[in-house]
C-alpha atoms as a PDB file:
ATOM      1  CA  UNK A   1      14.783  33.472-125.457  1.00  0.00           C
ATOM      2  CA  UNK A   2      16.692  33.744-122.084  1.00  0.00           C
ATOM      3  CA  UNK A   3      19.795  32.973-123.311  1.00  0.00           C
ATOM      4  CA  UNK A   4      19.491  35.240-126.646  1.00  0.00           C
ATOM      5  CA  UNK A   5      18.789  38.168-123.950  1.00  0.00           C
ATOM      6  CA  UNK A   6      22.108  37.417-122.029  1.00  0.00           C
ATOM      7  CA  UNK A   7      24.176  36.868-125.203  1.00  0.00           C
ATOM      8  CA  UNK A   8      22.905  40.543-126.462  1.00  0.00           C
ATOM      9  CA  UNK A   9      23.634  42.244-123.069  1.00  0.00           C
ATOM     10  CA  UNK A  10      27.114  40.857-123.148  1.00  0.00           C
ATOM     11  CA  UNK A  11      27.615  41.946-127.009  1.00  0.00           C
ATOM     12  CA  UNK A  12      26.278  45.290-125.980  1.00  0.00           C
ATOM     13  CA  UNK A  13      28.962  45.805-123.008  1.00  0.00           C
ATOM     14  CA  UNK A  14      31.854  44.414-125.187  1.00  0.00           C
ATOM     15  CA  UNK A  15      31.498  47.077-127.825  1.00  0.00           C
ATOM     16  CA  UNK A  16      33.328  50.288-126.810  1.00  0.00           C
ATOM     17  CA  UNK A  17      31.048  53.115-128.807  1.00  0.00           C
ATOM     18  CA  UNK A  18      33.572  55.943-130.166  1.00  0.00           C
ATOM     19  CA  UNK A  19      30.925  57.941-128.415  1.00  0.00           C
ATOM     20  CA  UNK A  20      31.427  57.205-124.977  1.00  0.00           C
ATOM     21  CA  UNK A  21      33.693  59.459-122.935  1.00  0.00           C
ATOM     22  CA  UNK A  22      36.888  57.501-121.348  1.00  0.00           C
ATOM     23  CA  UNK A  23      35.342  57.936-117.942  1.00  0.00           C
ATOM     24  CA  UNK A  24      32.106  56.260-119.007  1.00  0.00           C
ATOM     25  CA  UNK A  25      34.153  52.886-120.173  1.00  0.00           C
ATOM     26  CA  UNK A  26      35.697  52.497-117.352  1.00  0.00           C
ATOM     27  CA  UNK A  27      32.553  52.909-115.272  1.00  0.00           C
ATOM     28  CA  UNK A  28      30.567  50.488-113.187  1.00  0.00           C
ATOM     29  CA  UNK A  29      29.465  48.279-116.113  1.00  0.00           C
ATOM     30  CA  UNK A  30      33.048  48.152-117.505  1.00  0.00           C
ATOM     31  CA  UNK A  31      35.154  47.891-114.612  1.00  0.00           C
ATOM     32  CA  UNK A  32      34.704  43.912-114.417  1.00  0.00           C
ATOM     33  CA  UNK A  33      34.593  43.335-118.556  1.00  0.00           C
ATOM     34  CA  UNK A  34      36.864  40.645-119.602  1.00  0.00           C
ATOM     35  CA  UNK A  35      36.463  39.380-123.390  1.00  0.00           C
ATOM     36  CA  UNK A  36      34.345  35.969-123.522  1.00  0.00           C
ATOM     37  CA  UNK A  37      37.362  34.016-124.492  1.00  0.00           C
ATOM     38  CA  UNK A  38      36.392  31.079-126.962  1.00  0.00           C
ATOM     39  CA  UNK A  39      39.339  28.918-125.651  1.00  0.00           C
ATOM     40  CA  UNK A  40      38.219  29.157-122.247  1.00  0.00           C
ATOM     41  CA  UNK A  41      34.218  28.415-123.095  1.00  0.00           C
ATOM     42  CA  UNK A  42      35.797  25.159-125.160  1.00  0.00           C
ATOM     43  CA  UNK A  43      37.022  24.180-121.707  1.00  0.00           C
ATOM     44  CA  UNK A  44      34.147  24.999-119.795  1.00  0.00           C
ATOM     45  CA  UNK A  45      31.825  23.076-122.687  1.00  0.00           C
ATOM     46  CA  UNK A  46      34.513  20.098-121.989  1.00  0.00           C
ATOM     47  CA  UNK A  47      33.891  19.870-118.347  1.00  0.00           C
ATOM     48  CA  UNK A  48      30.290  20.436-118.669  1.00  0.00           C
ATOM     49  CA  UNK A  49      30.079  17.460-120.954  1.00  0.00           C
ATOM     50  CA  UNK A  50      32.299  15.034-118.803  1.00  0.00           C
ATOM     51  CA  UNK A  51      29.660  16.062-115.807  1.00  0.00           C
ATOM     52  CA  UNK A  52      26.645  15.195-117.598  1.00  0.00           C
ATOM     53  CA  UNK A  53      28.619  12.271-118.730  1.00  0.00           C
ATOM     54  CA  UNK A  54      29.453  11.012-115.037  1.00  0.00           C
ATOM     55  CA  UNK A  55      25.793  11.846-113.879  1.00  0.00           C
ATOM     56  CA  UNK A  56      24.223   9.034-112.612  1.00  0.00           C
ATOM     57  CA  UNK A  57      20.635   8.449-113.399  1.00  0.00           C
ATOM     58  CA  UNK A  58      18.892   9.577-109.984  1.00  0.00           C
ATOM     59  CA  UNK A  59      20.427  13.079-111.011  1.00  0.00           C
ATOM     60  CA  UNK A  60      23.455  12.760-108.036  1.00  0.00           C
ATOM     61  CA  UNK A  61      26.991  12.491-109.047  1.00  0.00           C
ATOM     62  CA  UNK A  62      29.777  10.101-107.512  1.00  0.00           C
ATOM     63  CA  UNK A  63      31.919  12.008-104.831  1.00  0.00           C
ATOM     64  CA  UNK A  64      34.712  11.637-102.668  1.00  0.00           C
ATOM     65  CA  UNK A  65      32.813  13.721 -99.817  1.00  0.00           C
ATOM     66  CA  UNK A  66      30.362  11.226 -98.678  1.00  0.00           C
ATOM     67  CA  UNK A  67      27.027   9.387-100.280  1.00  0.00           C
ATOM     68  CA  UNK A  68      25.248  11.836-102.398  1.00  0.00           C
ATOM     69  CA  UNK A  69      26.503  15.170-100.896  1.00  0.00           C
ATOM     70  CA  UNK A  70      24.155  17.514-101.710  1.00  0.00           C
ATOM     71  CA  UNK A  71      26.590  20.157-101.447  1.00  0.00           C
ATOM     72  CA  UNK A  72      28.994  18.383-104.456  1.00  0.00           C
ATOM     73  CA  UNK A  73      25.502  17.952-106.239  1.00  0.00           C
ATOM     74  CA  UNK A  74      24.468  21.706-105.730  1.00  0.00           C
ATOM     75  CA  UNK A  75      27.886  22.892-107.278  1.00  0.00           C
ATOM     76  CA  UNK A  76      27.753  20.192-110.195  1.00  0.00           C
ATOM     77  CA  UNK A  77      24.325  21.973-111.369  1.00  0.00           C
ATOM     78  CA  UNK A  78      25.601  25.258-111.066  1.00  0.00           C
ATOM     79  CA  UNK A  79      28.885  24.420-113.287  1.00  0.00           C
ATOM     80  CA  UNK A  80      26.507  23.059-115.835  1.00  0.00           C
ATOM     81  CA  UNK A  81      23.941  26.315-115.629  1.00  0.00           C
ATOM     82  CA  UNK A  82      27.123  28.873-116.001  1.00  0.00           C
ATOM     83  CA  UNK A  83      26.466  29.354-119.737  1.00  0.00           C
ATOM     84  CA  UNK A  84      22.746  30.288-118.963  1.00  0.00           C
ATOM     85  CA  UNK A  85      21.373  26.672-119.502  1.00  0.00           C
ATOM     86  CA  UNK A  86      18.289  26.285-116.964  1.00  0.00           C
ATOM     87  CA  UNK A  87      15.985  23.263-116.533  1.00  0.00           C
ATOM     88  CA  UNK A  88      14.010  22.831-119.747  1.00  0.00           C
ATOM     89  CA  UNK A  89      15.993  25.226-121.868  1.00  0.00           C
ATOM     90  CA  UNK A  90      19.659  24.808-123.002  1.00  0.00           C
ATOM     91  CA  UNK A  91      22.047  21.817-124.187  1.00  0.00           C
ATOM     92  CA  UNK A  92      22.522  20.611-120.716  1.00  0.00           C
ATOM     93  CA  UNK A  93      18.608  21.476-119.662  1.00  0.00           C
ATOM     94  CA  UNK A  94      17.836  17.696-118.713  1.00  0.00           C
ATOM     95  CA  UNK A  95      21.048  17.159-116.448  1.00  0.00           C
ATOM     96  CA  UNK A  96      20.040  20.219-114.791  1.00  0.00           C
ATOM     97  CA  UNK A  97      16.530  19.103-114.201  1.00  0.00           C
ATOM     98  CA  UNK A  98      17.692  15.994-112.692  1.00  0.00           C
ATOM     99  CA  UNK A  99      20.229  17.469-110.409  1.00  0.00           C
ATOM    100  CA  UNK A 100      17.856  20.013-109.376  1.00  0.00           C
ATOM    101  CA  UNK A 101      15.086  17.459-108.546  1.00  0.00           C
ATOM    102  CA  UNK A 102      17.778  14.902-106.827  1.00  0.00           C
ATOM    103  CA  UNK A 103      18.031  18.225-104.128  1.00  0.00           C
ATOM    104  CA  UNK A 104      14.170  18.581-103.751  1.00  0.00           C
ATOM    105  CA  UNK A 105      14.226  14.907-102.902  1.00  0.00           C
ATOM    106  CA  UNK A 106      16.941  15.368-100.569  1.00  0.00           C
ATOM    107  CA  UNK A 107      15.001  17.729 -98.332  1.00  0.00           C
ATOM    108  CA  UNK A 108      13.685  16.336 -95.297  1.00  0.00           C
ATOM    109  CA  UNK A 109      10.657  17.297 -93.052  1.00  0.00           C
ATOM    110  CA  UNK A 110      13.136  19.749 -91.307  1.00  0.00           C
ATOM    111  CA  UNK A 111      13.696  21.718 -94.220  1.00  0.00           C
ATOM    112  CA  UNK A 112      17.184  20.721 -94.284  1.00  0.00           C
ATOM    113  CA  UNK A 113      19.027  19.037 -97.589  1.00  0.00           C
ATOM    114  CA  UNK A 114      21.325  16.749 -97.285  1.00  0.00           C
ATOM    115  CA  UNK A 115      22.545  13.208 -99.068  1.00  0.00           C
ATOM    116  CA  UNK A 116      23.829  10.343 -96.754  1.00  0.00           C
ATOM    117  CA  UNK A 117      23.644  10.194 -93.092  1.00  0.00           C
ATOM    118  CA  UNK A 118      24.631  13.858 -92.461  1.00  0.00           C
ATOM    119  CA  UNK A 119      28.033  12.921 -91.277  1.00  0.00           C
ATOM    120  CA  UNK A 120      29.827  15.087 -93.609  1.00  0.00           C
ATOM    121  CA  UNK A 121      29.072  18.772 -92.782  1.00  0.00           C
ATOM    122  CA  UNK A 122      25.112  19.071 -93.219  1.00  0.00           C
ATOM    123  CA  UNK A 123      25.141  22.542 -92.998  1.00  0.00           C
ATOM    124  CA  UNK A 124      27.641  23.189 -95.907  1.00  0.00           C
ATOM    125  CA  UNK A 125      25.533  20.784 -98.122  1.00  0.00           C
ATOM    126  CA  UNK A 126      22.185  22.619 -96.632  1.00  0.00           C
ATOM    127  CA  UNK A 127      23.956  25.985 -97.995  1.00  0.00           C
ATOM    128  CA  UNK A 128      25.264  24.695-101.364  1.00  0.00           C
ATOM    129  CA  UNK A 129      22.115  23.108-102.457  1.00  0.00           C
ATOM    130  CA  UNK A 130      20.150  26.313-101.015  1.00  0.00           C
ATOM    131  CA  UNK A 131      22.028  28.325-103.058  1.00  0.00           C
ATOM    132  CA  UNK A 132      21.369  26.406-106.320  1.00  0.00           C
ATOM    133  CA  UNK A 133      17.964  26.292-105.520  1.00  0.00           C
ATOM    134  CA  UNK A 134      17.843  30.105-105.268  1.00  0.00           C
ATOM    135  CA  UNK A 135      19.897  30.378-108.672  1.00  0.00           C
ATOM    136  CA  UNK A 136      17.594  28.077-110.447  1.00  0.00           C
ATOM    137  CA  UNK A 137      14.200  29.881-108.728  1.00  0.00           C
ATOM    138  CA  UNK A 138      15.403  33.270-109.573  1.00  0.00           C
ATOM    139  CA  UNK A 139      15.521  32.094-113.344  1.00  0.00           C
ATOM    140  CA  UNK A 140      12.806  29.805-113.876  1.00  0.00           C
ATOM    141  CA  UNK A 141      10.134  31.013-110.946  1.00  0.00           C
ATOM    142  CA  UNK A 142       9.119  27.339-110.411  1.00  0.00           C
ATOM    143  CA  UNK A 143       6.643  27.027-107.509  1.00  0.00           C
ATOM    144  CA  UNK A 144       7.826  23.629-106.651  1.00  0.00           C
ATOM    145  CA  UNK A 145      11.451  24.992-105.942  1.00  0.00           C
ATOM    146  CA  UNK A 146       9.842  28.077-104.107  1.00  0.00           C
ATOM    147  CA  UNK A 147       8.319  26.235-101.461  1.00  0.00           C
ATOM    148  CA  UNK A 148      11.371  23.920-101.104  1.00  0.00           C
ATOM    149  CA  UNK A 149      13.517  27.245-100.829  1.00  0.00           C
ATOM    150  CA  UNK A 150      11.107  28.529 -98.189  1.00  0.00           C
ATOM    151  CA  UNK A 151      11.841  25.838 -95.917  1.00  0.00           C
ATOM    152  CA  UNK A 152      15.280  25.921 -96.316  1.00  0.00           C
ATOM    153  CA  UNK A 153      15.817  29.588 -95.515  1.00  0.00           C
ATOM    154  CA  UNK A 154      13.591  28.966 -92.565  1.00  0.00           C
ATOM    155  CA  UNK A 155      15.906  25.997 -91.303  1.00  0.00           C
ATOM    156  CA  UNK A 156      19.073  28.411 -91.332  1.00  0.00           C
ATOM    157  CA  UNK A 157      17.148  31.284 -89.992  1.00  0.00           C
ATOM    158  CA  UNK A 158      16.000  29.041 -87.195  1.00  0.00           C
ATOM    159  CA  UNK A 159      19.850  27.316 -86.553  1.00  0.00           C
ATOM    160  CA  UNK A 160      21.565  30.871 -86.800  1.00  0.00           C
ATOM    161  CA  UNK A 161      24.167  30.556 -83.653  1.00  0.00           C
ATOM    162  CA  UNK A 162      24.701  32.662 -80.307  1.00  0.00           C
ATOM    163  CA  UNK A 163      27.184  34.529 -81.912  1.00  0.00           C
ATOM    164  CA  UNK A 164      25.416  35.043 -85.484  1.00  0.00           C
ATOM    165  CA  UNK A 165      27.020  32.274 -87.227  1.00  0.00           C
ATOM    166  CA  UNK A 166      26.397  28.775 -88.127  1.00  0.00           C
ATOM    167  CA  UNK A 167      28.732  25.669 -87.678  1.00  0.00           C
ATOM    168  CA  UNK A 168      28.646  22.237 -89.123  1.00  0.00           C
ATOM    169  CA  UNK A 169      25.385  20.672 -87.670  1.00  0.00           C
ATOM    170  CA  UNK A 170      21.816  22.036 -87.954  1.00  0.00           C
ATOM    171  CA  UNK A 171      21.626  23.450 -84.328  1.00  0.00           C
ATOM    172  CA  UNK A 172      22.074  26.803 -82.410  1.00  0.00           C
ATOM    173  CA  UNK A 173      25.623  26.809 -81.350  1.00  0.00           C
ATOM    174  CA  UNK A 174      28.669  29.528 -82.003  1.00  0.00           C
ATOM    175  CA  UNK A 175      29.274  29.206 -85.402  1.00  0.00           C
ATOM    176  CA  UNK A 176      32.587  29.835 -87.509  1.00  0.00           C
ATOM    177  CA  UNK A 177      33.668  31.456 -90.609  1.00  0.00           C
ATOM    178  CA  UNK A 178      33.780  28.950 -93.101  1.00  0.00           C
ATOM    179  CA  UNK A 179      30.150  27.449 -92.268  1.00  0.00           C
ATOM    180  CA  UNK A 180      28.499  31.011 -91.882  1.00  0.00           C
ATOM    181  CA  UNK A 181      29.901  32.482 -95.500  1.00  0.00           C
ATOM    182  CA  UNK A 182      27.954  29.832 -96.839  1.00  0.00           C
ATOM    183  CA  UNK A 183      24.598  30.449 -95.177  1.00  0.00           C
ATOM    184  CA  UNK A 184      24.893  34.046 -95.845  1.00  0.00           C
ATOM    185  CA  UNK A 185      25.217  33.040 -99.747  1.00  0.00           C
ATOM    186  CA  UNK A 186      22.342  31.075 -99.149  1.00  0.00           C
ATOM    187  CA  UNK A 187      20.306  33.614 -97.602  1.00  0.00           C
ATOM    188  CA  UNK A 188      21.582  36.593-100.002  1.00  0.00           C
ATOM    189  CA  UNK A 189      20.491  34.235-102.975  1.00  0.00           C
ATOM    190  CA  UNK A 190      16.706  33.353-101.420  1.00  0.00           C
ATOM    191  CA  UNK A 191      16.457  37.216-100.912  1.00  0.00           C
ATOM    192  CA  UNK A 192      17.448  37.963-104.576  1.00  0.00           C
ATOM    193  CA  UNK A 193      14.800  35.173-105.623  1.00  0.00           C
ATOM    194  CA  UNK A 194      12.373  37.153-103.484  1.00  0.00           C
ATOM    195  CA  UNK A 195      12.051  35.072-100.387  1.00  0.00           C
ATOM    196  CA  UNK A 196      11.834  36.765 -97.286  1.00  0.00           C
ATOM    197  CA  UNK A 197      14.638  36.708 -94.613  1.00  0.00           C
ATOM    198  CA  UNK A 198      14.504  38.432 -91.092  1.00  0.00           C
ATOM    199  CA  UNK A 199      16.841  41.445 -91.014  1.00  0.00           C
ATOM    200  CA  UNK A 200      17.926  40.600 -87.597  1.00  0.00           C
ATOM    201  CA  UNK A 201      19.338  37.473 -89.039  1.00  0.00           C
ATOM    202  CA  UNK A 202      21.085  39.501 -91.834  1.00  0.00           C
ATOM    203  CA  UNK A 203      22.575  41.881 -89.007  1.00  0.00           C
ATOM    204  CA  UNK A 204      23.726  39.513 -86.853  1.00  0.00           C
ATOM    205  CA  UNK A 205      25.499  37.365 -89.473  1.00  0.00           C
ATOM    206  CA  UNK A 206      27.096  40.549 -90.825  1.00  0.00           C
ATOM    207  CA  UNK A 207      28.450  41.348 -87.007  1.00  0.00           C
ATOM    208  CA  UNK A 208      29.726  37.878 -86.866  1.00  0.00           C
ATOM    209  CA  UNK A 209      31.840  38.333 -90.056  1.00  0.00           C
ATOM    210  CA  UNK A 210      33.100  41.837 -88.914  1.00  0.00           C
ATOM    211  CA  UNK A 211      33.826  40.260 -85.764  1.00  0.00           C
ATOM    212  CA  UNK A 212      36.232  37.798 -87.529  1.00  0.00           C
ATOM    213  CA  UNK A 213      38.234  40.321 -89.346  1.00  0.00           C
ATOM    214  CA  UNK A 214      42.054  40.745 -88.185  1.00  0.00           C
ATOM    215  CA  UNK A 215      42.816  44.691 -89.411  1.00  0.00           C
ATOM    216  CA  UNK A 216      46.670  44.097 -88.557  1.00  0.00           C
ATOM    217  CA  UNK A 217      46.473  41.049 -91.052  1.00  0.00           C
ATOM    218  CA  UNK A 218      43.742  42.747 -93.920  1.00  0.00           C
ATOM    219  CA  UNK A 219      42.398  38.760 -93.673  1.00  0.00           C
ATOM    220  CA  UNK A 220      39.491  36.761 -91.862  1.00  0.00           C
ATOM    221  CA  UNK A 221      40.070  34.182 -88.919  1.00  0.00           C
ATOM    222  CA  UNK A 222      38.365  31.026 -88.477  1.00  0.00           C
ATOM    223  CA  UNK A 223      36.259  32.174 -85.445  1.00  0.00           C
ATOM    224  CA  UNK A 224      35.131  35.466 -84.390  1.00  0.00           C
ATOM    225  CA  UNK A 225      37.006  34.936 -81.253  1.00  0.00           C
ATOM    226  CA  UNK A 226      40.352  34.940 -83.303  1.00  0.00           C
ATOM    227  CA  UNK A 227      42.163  31.708 -84.578  1.00  0.00           C
ATOM    228  CA  UNK A 228      44.455  31.443 -87.915  1.00  0.00           C
ATOM    229  CA  UNK A 229      43.716  33.305 -90.880  1.00  0.00           C
ATOM    230  CA  UNK A 230      43.467  31.800 -94.413  1.00  0.00           C
ATOM    231  CA  UNK A 231      42.961  32.873 -98.145  1.00  0.00           C
ATOM    232  CA  UNK A 232      40.009  30.660 -98.658  1.00  0.00           C
ATOM    233  CA  UNK A 233      37.876  31.857 -95.969  1.00  0.00           C
ATOM    234  CA  UNK A 234      38.998  35.757 -96.504  1.00  0.00           C
ATOM    235  CA  UNK A 235      37.825  35.020 -99.833  1.00  0.00           C
ATOM    236  CA  UNK A 236      34.621  33.904 -98.760  1.00  0.00           C
ATOM    237  CA  UNK A 237      33.896  36.655 -96.429  1.00  0.00           C
ATOM    238  CA  UNK A 238      34.468  38.991 -98.857  1.00  0.00           C
ATOM    239  CA  UNK A 239      31.534  37.543-100.920  1.00  0.00           C
ATOM    240  CA  UNK A 240      29.695  37.606 -97.757  1.00  0.00           C
ATOM    241  CA  UNK A 241      30.238  41.614 -97.356  1.00  0.00           C
ATOM    242  CA  UNK A 242      29.579  42.175-100.868  1.00  0.00           C
ATOM    243  CA  UNK A 243      26.392  39.731-100.877  1.00  0.00           C
ATOM    244  CA  UNK A 244      25.133  41.826 -97.857  1.00  0.00           C
ATOM    245  CA  UNK A 245      25.237  44.987 -99.745  1.00  0.00           C
ATOM    246  CA  UNK A 246      28.570  46.650 -98.185  1.00  0.00           C
ATOM    247  CA  UNK A 247      30.479  46.889-101.144  1.00  0.00           C
ATOM    248  CA  UNK A 248      31.775  50.115-100.358  1.00  0.00           C
ATOM    249  CA  UNK A 249      33.247  48.883 -96.863  1.00  0.00           C
ATOM    250  CA  UNK A 250      36.165  50.553 -96.068  1.00  0.00           C
ATOM    251  CA  UNK A 251      38.040  47.241 -95.281  1.00  0.00           C
ATOM    252  CA  UNK A 252      37.621  45.579 -98.930  1.00  0.00           C
ATOM    253  CA  UNK A 253      40.559  46.966-100.595  1.00  0.00           C
ATOM    254  CA  UNK A 254      42.835  45.844 -98.099  1.00  0.00           C
ATOM    255  CA  UNK A 255      41.233  42.693 -98.108  1.00  0.00           C
ATOM    256  CA  UNK A 256      41.492  42.852-102.013  1.00  0.00           C
ATOM    257  CA  UNK A 257      45.297  43.398-101.544  1.00  0.00           C
ATOM    258  CA  UNK A 258      45.971  40.550 -99.325  1.00  0.00           C
ATOM    259  CA  UNK A 259      43.802  38.408-101.778  1.00  0.00           C
ATOM    260  CA  UNK A 260      46.177  39.557-104.761  1.00  0.00           C
ATOM    261  CA  UNK A 261      49.305  38.747-102.566  1.00  0.00           C
ATOM    262  CA  UNK A 262      48.237  35.632-101.520  1.00  0.00           C
ATOM    263  CA  UNK A 263      46.214  33.594-104.177  1.00  0.00           C
ATOM    264  CA  UNK A 264      47.964  34.002-107.383  1.00  0.00           C
ATOM    265  CA  UNK A 265      50.971  31.561-107.131  1.00  0.00           C
ATOM    266  CA  UNK A 266      49.754  28.805-108.969  1.00  0.00           C
ATOM    267  CA  UNK A 267      52.557  26.268-107.974  1.00  0.00           C
ATOM    268  CA  UNK A 268      51.552  26.480-104.022  1.00  0.00           C
ATOM    269  CA  UNK A 269      48.227  24.363-104.163  1.00  0.00           C
ATOM    270  CA  UNK A 270      46.733  23.584-100.477  1.00  0.00           C
ATOM    271  CA  UNK A 271      43.821  21.095-100.217  1.00  0.00           C
ATOM    272  CA  UNK A 272      41.249  24.220-100.502  1.00  0.00           C
ATOM    273  CA  UNK A 273      42.647  25.577-103.603  1.00  0.00           C
ATOM    274  CA  UNK A 274      39.662  25.393-105.962  1.00  0.00           C
ATOM    275  CA  UNK A 275      37.516  26.247-102.700  1.00  0.00           C
ATOM    276  CA  UNK A 276      39.887  29.540-102.525  1.00  0.00           C
ATOM    277  CA  UNK A 277      39.369  30.527-105.999  1.00  0.00           C
ATOM    278  CA  UNK A 278      35.837  29.997-106.434  1.00  0.00           C
ATOM    279  CA  UNK A 279      35.219  32.408-103.867  1.00  0.00           C
ATOM    280  CA  UNK A 280      38.289  34.899-105.419  1.00  0.00           C
ATOM    281  CA  UNK A 281      36.575  34.685-108.601  1.00  0.00           C
ATOM    282  CA  UNK A 282      33.348  36.189-107.159  1.00  0.00           C
ATOM    283  CA  UNK A 283      34.492  38.404-105.072  1.00  0.00           C
ATOM    284  CA  UNK A 284      37.414  40.157-107.273  1.00  0.00           C
ATOM    285  CA  UNK A 285      34.566  40.044-110.036  1.00  0.00           C
ATOM    286  CA  UNK A 286      32.168  42.188-108.047  1.00  0.00           C
ATOM    287  CA  UNK A 287      34.993  44.224-106.777  1.00  0.00           C
ATOM    288  CA  UNK A 288      36.349  44.848-110.453  1.00  0.00           C
ATOM    289  CA  UNK A 289      39.171  46.939-111.847  1.00  0.00           C
ATOM    290  CA  UNK A 290      42.576  45.814-112.048  1.00  0.00           C
ATOM    291  CA  UNK A 291      42.455  43.215-109.527  1.00  0.00           C
ATOM    292  CA  UNK A 292      39.899  41.616-111.140  1.00  0.00           C
ATOM    293  CA  UNK A 293      40.929  41.282-115.001  1.00  0.00           C
ATOM    294  CA  UNK A 294      44.648  40.692-113.199  1.00  0.00           C
ATOM    295  CA  UNK A 295      43.450  37.835-111.282  1.00  0.00           C
ATOM    296  CA  UNK A 296      41.020  36.411-114.245  1.00  0.00           C
ATOM    297  CA  UNK A 297      43.778  36.525-116.636  1.00  0.00           C
ATOM    298  CA  UNK A 298      45.963  34.587-114.221  1.00  0.00           C
ATOM    299  CA  UNK A 299      43.524  31.761-113.391  1.00  0.00           C
ATOM    300  CA  UNK A 300      42.433  31.299-116.927  1.00  0.00           C
ATOM    301  CA  UNK A 301      45.851  30.921-118.208  1.00  0.00           C
ATOM    302  CA  UNK A 302      46.416  28.021-115.423  1.00  0.00           C
ATOM    303  CA  UNK A 303      43.436  26.302-116.213  1.00  0.00           C
ATOM    304  CA  UNK A 304      43.922  26.182-119.827  1.00  0.00           C
ATOM    305  CA  UNK A 305      47.501  25.649-119.727  1.00  0.00           C
ATOM    306  CA  UNK A 306      47.992  23.341-116.602  1.00  0.00           C
ATOM    307  CA  UNK A 307      44.763  22.072-115.227  1.00  0.00           C
ATOM    308  CA  UNK A 308      43.287  20.869-118.549  1.00  0.00           C
ATOM    309  CA  UNK A 309      45.589  19.271-120.220  1.00  0.00           C
ATOM    310  CA  UNK A 310      45.365  16.677-117.686  1.00  0.00           C
ATOM    311  CA  UNK A 311      41.529  16.657-117.312  1.00  0.00           C
ATOM    312  CA  UNK A 312      39.951  14.396-116.807  1.00  0.00           C
ATOM    313  CA  UNK A 313      42.526  11.641-116.601  1.00  0.00           C
ATOM    314  CA  UNK A 314      43.948  13.290-113.437  1.00  0.00           C
ATOM    315  CA  UNK A 315      41.325  15.617-112.508  1.00  0.00           C
ATOM    316  CA  UNK A 316      38.207  13.272-111.834  1.00  0.00           C
ATOM    317  CA  UNK A 317      36.993  14.851-108.430  1.00  0.00           C
ATOM    318  CA  UNK A 318      33.380  16.264-109.131  1.00  0.00           C
ATOM    319  CA  UNK A 319      33.450  19.033-106.630  1.00  0.00           C
ATOM    320  CA  UNK A 320      36.847  20.552-107.743  1.00  0.00           C
ATOM    321  CA  UNK A 321      36.020  20.464-111.336  1.00  0.00           C
ATOM    322  CA  UNK A 322      33.245  22.126-110.795  1.00  0.00           C
ATOM    323  CA  UNK A 323      34.647  24.901-109.178  1.00  0.00           C
ATOM    324  CA  UNK A 324      37.077  25.031-112.030  1.00  0.00           C
ATOM    325  CA  UNK A 325      34.028  25.739-114.446  1.00  0.00           C
ATOM    326  CA  UNK A 326      32.607  28.223-112.263  1.00  0.00           C
ATOM    327  CA  UNK A 327      35.696  30.255-111.913  1.00  0.00           C
ATOM    328  CA  UNK A 328      36.386  29.891-116.025  1.00  0.00           C
ATOM    329  CA  UNK A 329      32.949  30.848-116.481  1.00  0.00           C
ATOM    330  CA  UNK A 330      32.562  34.096-114.652  1.00  0.00           C
ATOM    331  CA  UNK A 331      32.614  36.374-117.839  1.00  0.00           C
ATOM    332  CA  UNK A 332      29.138  34.504-119.070  1.00  0.00           C
ATOM    333  CA  UNK A 333      27.735  36.468-116.072  1.00  0.00           C
ATOM    334  CA  UNK A 334      24.541  34.275-116.453  1.00  0.00           C
ATOM    335  CA  UNK A 335      24.077  33.125-112.915  1.00  0.00           C
ATOM    336  CA  UNK A 336      22.221  35.690-110.640  1.00  0.00           C
ATOM    337  CA  UNK A 337      25.060  35.357-108.162  1.00  0.00           C
ATOM    338  CA  UNK A 338      27.396  37.855-110.526  1.00  0.00           C
ATOM    339  CA  UNK A 339      24.785  40.171-111.127  1.00  0.00           C
ATOM    340  CA  UNK A 340      26.585  43.374-109.884  1.00  0.00           C
END
């Protein structure tokens, strides 16, 4: 029934009635609309089938980012949910349920959700696992997930650093943008699911993100004190501003301009390529209009024409593969993170 409601909504948005004025068809509900492309949907389904086939019996996935990395497992679960499935409902319900149970079992007494020994960026793992639980709780209202989500949020709140950001480990120290944007997404996801987050935590995190912005370069640095700028952290910081409700911030058009200049060259690939596009797809979707439609068309074509022919022979990294599914699946609008 949940999936049927989403499908009916998407169908309604896809139909441009002759009785609607031009400005109504270009308004908020329509400025981010792109067609649900059958070829893209088939590609997402192929990726999802591969993820299900590589999942372990305990709900985890083999990763190259440390043993039982909870962040990678969280992204894999989200990729399975991007077409509307949830634990107990849908084609991938069982695999999603196993992944969620793994994350619940990985939560420690402190509230930290982490696999392995934590040497591999514990707060990265924790943030994405928290995002995943928030998305699942928002769609299921499961009380066991709510309990774990509250504990996960409390850990994030209690480890915020003096400068308002977060770092790699669960302790209070000055943060960086890459770790901070993940905690902001986790907190925003929890707030959207009805979990309380202190306003002071949000205000300090927002001040940190603003402090990392370079107006002259239209991008975000690694620290609020400065440093190198990069498209990936700029896309992630854009999502942070939007997640905190600042969709009309006057700096956002400049950020979007910077991103459109730096992320649409698919021949130049860095080690953070799909990380960048994961955040860019969310940020530009929320921005809407021509930048979003132009970007999605280009990234969709790159995935279908260049990436998919080599999948899974050359593309067997669970994290990157999950990001590809999430980027390609944005038009489905199923996950709460895509609510505008």
